Amino acid sequence: GLGWRAHRFGARTGYCLRPELPRTAREAHASLDPLFADARRMYFANRGVWDAISSAGPHPGFSHEAGDIDVYLGVLGDFLDEMCAR
C-alpha cells in the first residue's frame, strides 16, 4: 500500500520512493529522499544490519545465508511498520 517500490538491477538493489521506476538519472535523483535513507540506515544499524550505500537497498553476497535475509526482511518490516504508524 506504499506509493513506492524496491527494485533490482543485476546484483544492486534499492528503493524508489515513487510509484514508477525511474528511466533517467534525473528521475532517479528525484526518487531519492536523503532523510528517509538516513533514517533507514540508522534504524538498521542500531539493529545490527549495515547498508553500505545510503541510496541502495540490501546487497546480499555469497557469504550471506537464508537467515541473514530473514533478519534483514524482519528489520525492514519493523521499520516500515514504525514509519507508516506516524
C-alpha atoms as a PDB file:
ATOM      1  CA  GLY A   1       0.000   0.000   0.000  1.00  0.00           C
ATOM      2  CA  LEU A   2       3.008   2.344  -0.093  1.00  0.00           C
ATOM      3  CA  GLY A   3       3.459   4.689  -3.047  1.00  0.00           C
ATOM      4  CA  TRP A   4       6.959   3.404  -3.790  1.00  0.00           C
ATOM      5  CA  ARG A   5       8.796   0.211  -4.570  1.00  0.00           C
ATOM      6  CA  ALA A   6      12.023  -1.717  -4.251  1.00  0.00           C
ATOM      7  CA  HIS A   7      13.963  -2.570  -7.366  1.00  0.00           C
ATOM      8  CA  ARG A   8      16.847  -4.709  -8.540  1.00  0.00           C
ATOM      9  CA  PHE A   9      19.362  -4.137 -11.320  1.00  0.00           C
ATOM     10  CA  GLY A  10      21.730  -7.067 -11.506  1.00  0.00           C
ATOM     11  CA  ALA A  11      23.193  -7.513  -8.049  1.00  0.00           C
ATOM     12  CA  ARG A  12      22.254  -3.959  -6.993  1.00  0.00           C
ATOM     13  CA  THR A  13      19.029  -3.196  -5.197  1.00  0.00           C
ATOM     14  CA  GLY A  14      17.447  -0.037  -3.933  1.00  0.00           C
ATOM     15  CA  TYR A  15      14.337   1.844  -3.054  1.00  0.00           C
ATOM     16  CA  CYS A  16      12.440   4.101  -5.432  1.00  0.00           C
ATOM     17  CA  LEU A  17      10.172   6.420  -3.456  1.00  0.00           C
ATOM     18  CA  ARG A  18       7.768   6.854  -6.350  1.00  0.00           C
ATOM     19  CA  PRO A  19       5.185   4.511  -7.870  1.00  0.00           C
ATOM     20  CA  GLU A  20       7.119   4.053 -11.132  1.00  0.00           C
ATOM     21  CA  LEU A  21      10.751   3.104 -11.526  1.00  0.00           C
ATOM     22  CA  PRO A  22      12.935   5.913 -12.881  1.00  0.00           C
ATOM     23  CA  ARG A  23      14.046   5.839 -16.511  1.00  0.00           C
ATOM     24  CA  THR A  24      16.594   8.665 -16.398  1.00  0.00           C
ATOM     25  CA  ALA A  25      19.220   9.939 -13.963  1.00  0.00           C
ATOM     26  CA  ARG A  26      17.033  12.977 -13.260  1.00  0.00           C
ATOM     27  CA  GLU A  27      14.061  10.759 -12.369  1.00  0.00           C
ATOM     28  CA  ALA A  28      16.297   8.551 -10.223  1.00  0.00           C
ATOM     29  CA  HIS A  29      17.604  11.564  -8.315  1.00  0.00           C
ATOM     30  CA  ALA A  30      14.065  12.843  -7.791  1.00  0.00           C
ATOM     31  CA  SER A  31      13.035   9.472  -6.359  1.00  0.00           C
ATOM     32  CA  LEU A  32      15.587   9.688  -3.521  1.00  0.00           C
ATOM     33  CA  ASP A  33      14.902  11.114  -0.083  1.00  0.00           C
ATOM     34  CA  PRO A  34      18.097  11.621   1.946  1.00  0.00           C
ATOM     35  CA  LEU A  35      16.198  11.881   5.249  1.00  0.00           C
ATOM     36  CA  PHE A  36      14.402   8.601   4.572  1.00  0.00           C
ATOM     37  CA  ALA A  37      17.691   6.911   3.590  1.00  0.00           C
ATOM     38  CA  ASP A  38      19.476   8.217   6.688  1.00  0.00           C
ATOM     39  CA  ALA A  39      16.616   7.159   8.973  1.00  0.00           C
ATOM     40  CA  ARG A  40      16.521   3.695   7.398  1.00  0.00           C
ATOM     41  CA  ARG A  41      20.286   3.204   7.633  1.00  0.00           C
ATOM     42  CA  MET A  42      20.369   4.357  11.284  1.00  0.00           C
ATOM     43  CA  TYR A  43      17.393   2.166  12.190  1.00  0.00           C
ATOM     44  CA  PHE A  44      19.044  -0.839  10.562  1.00  0.00           C
ATOM     45  CA  ALA A  45      22.499  -0.132  12.029  1.00  0.00           C
ATOM     46  CA  ASN A  46      21.012   0.061  15.522  1.00  0.00           C
ATOM     47  CA  ARG A  47      19.668  -3.444  14.947  1.00  0.00           C
ATOM     48  CA  GLY A  48      22.911  -4.939  13.638  1.00  0.00           C
ATOM     49  CA  VAL A  49      22.254  -4.582   9.899  1.00  0.00           C
ATOM     50  CA  TRP A  50      24.598  -2.399   7.830  1.00  0.00           C
ATOM     51  CA  ASP A  51      23.694  -0.958   4.422  1.00  0.00           C
ATOM     52  CA  ALA A  52      26.896   0.422   2.948  1.00  0.00           C
ATOM     53  CA  ILE A  53      25.309   2.717   0.351  1.00  0.00           C
ATOM     54  CA  SER A  54      22.668   5.136   1.580  1.00  0.00           C
ATOM     55  CA  SER A  55      20.587   5.138  -1.594  1.00  0.00           C
ATOM     56  CA  ALA A  56      20.766   1.377  -2.074  1.00  0.00           C
ATOM     57  CA  GLY A  57      18.925  -1.492  -0.547  1.00  0.00           C
ATOM     58  CA  PRO A  58      20.258  -4.846   0.564  1.00  0.00           C
ATOM     59  CA  HIS A  59      23.266  -6.284  -1.199  1.00  0.00           C
ATOM     60  CA  PRO A  60      23.338  -9.997  -0.412  1.00  0.00           C
ATOM     61  CA  GLY A  61      26.544 -11.793  -1.221  1.00  0.00           C
ATOM     62  CA  PHE A  62      27.844 -15.334  -1.248  1.00  0.00           C
ATOM     63  CA  SER A  63      28.632 -15.182   2.470  1.00  0.00           C
ATOM     64  CA  HIS A  64      25.025 -14.464   3.398  1.00  0.00           C
ATOM     65  CA  GLU A  65      22.734 -17.267   4.410  1.00  0.00           C
ATOM     66  CA  ALA A  66      18.957 -17.529   4.318  1.00  0.00           C
ATOM     67  CA  GLY A  67      18.823 -16.498   7.982  1.00  0.00           C
ATOM     68  CA  ASP A  68      20.653 -13.255   7.166  1.00  0.00           C
ATOM     69  CA  ILE A  69      17.999 -12.412   4.581  1.00  0.00           C
ATOM     70  CA  ASP A  70      15.273 -13.216   7.103  1.00  0.00           C
ATOM     71  CA  VAL A  71      16.870 -10.834   9.623  1.00  0.00           C
ATOM     72  CA  TYR A  72      17.032  -8.059   7.007  1.00  0.00           C
ATOM     73  CA  LEU A  73      13.414  -8.546   5.983  1.00  0.00           C
ATOM     74  CA  GLY A  74      12.322  -8.612   9.627  1.00  0.00           C
ATOM     75  CA  VAL A  75      14.099  -5.329  10.381  1.00  0.00           C
ATOM     76  CA  LEU A  76      12.693  -3.830   7.170  1.00  0.00           C
ATOM     77  CA  GLY A  77       9.181  -4.889   8.191  1.00  0.00           C
ATOM     78  CA  ASP A  78       9.616  -3.326  11.643  1.00  0.00           C
ATOM     79  CA  PHE A  79      10.991  -0.121  10.105  1.00  0.00           C
ATOM     80  CA  LEU A  80       8.114   0.193   7.656  1.00  0.00           C
ATOM     81  CA  ASP A  81       5.561  -0.526  10.383  1.00  0.00           C
ATOM     82  CA  GLU A  82       7.010   2.273  12.504  1.00  0.00           C
ATOM     83  CA  MET A  83       7.273   4.695   9.580  1.00  0.00           C
ATOM     84  CA  CYS A  84       3.682   4.045   8.471  1.00  0.00           C
ATOM     85  CA  ALA A  85       2.345   4.404  12.019  1.00  0.00           C
ATOM     86  CA  ARG A  86       3.425   8.065  12.115  1.00  0.00           C
END
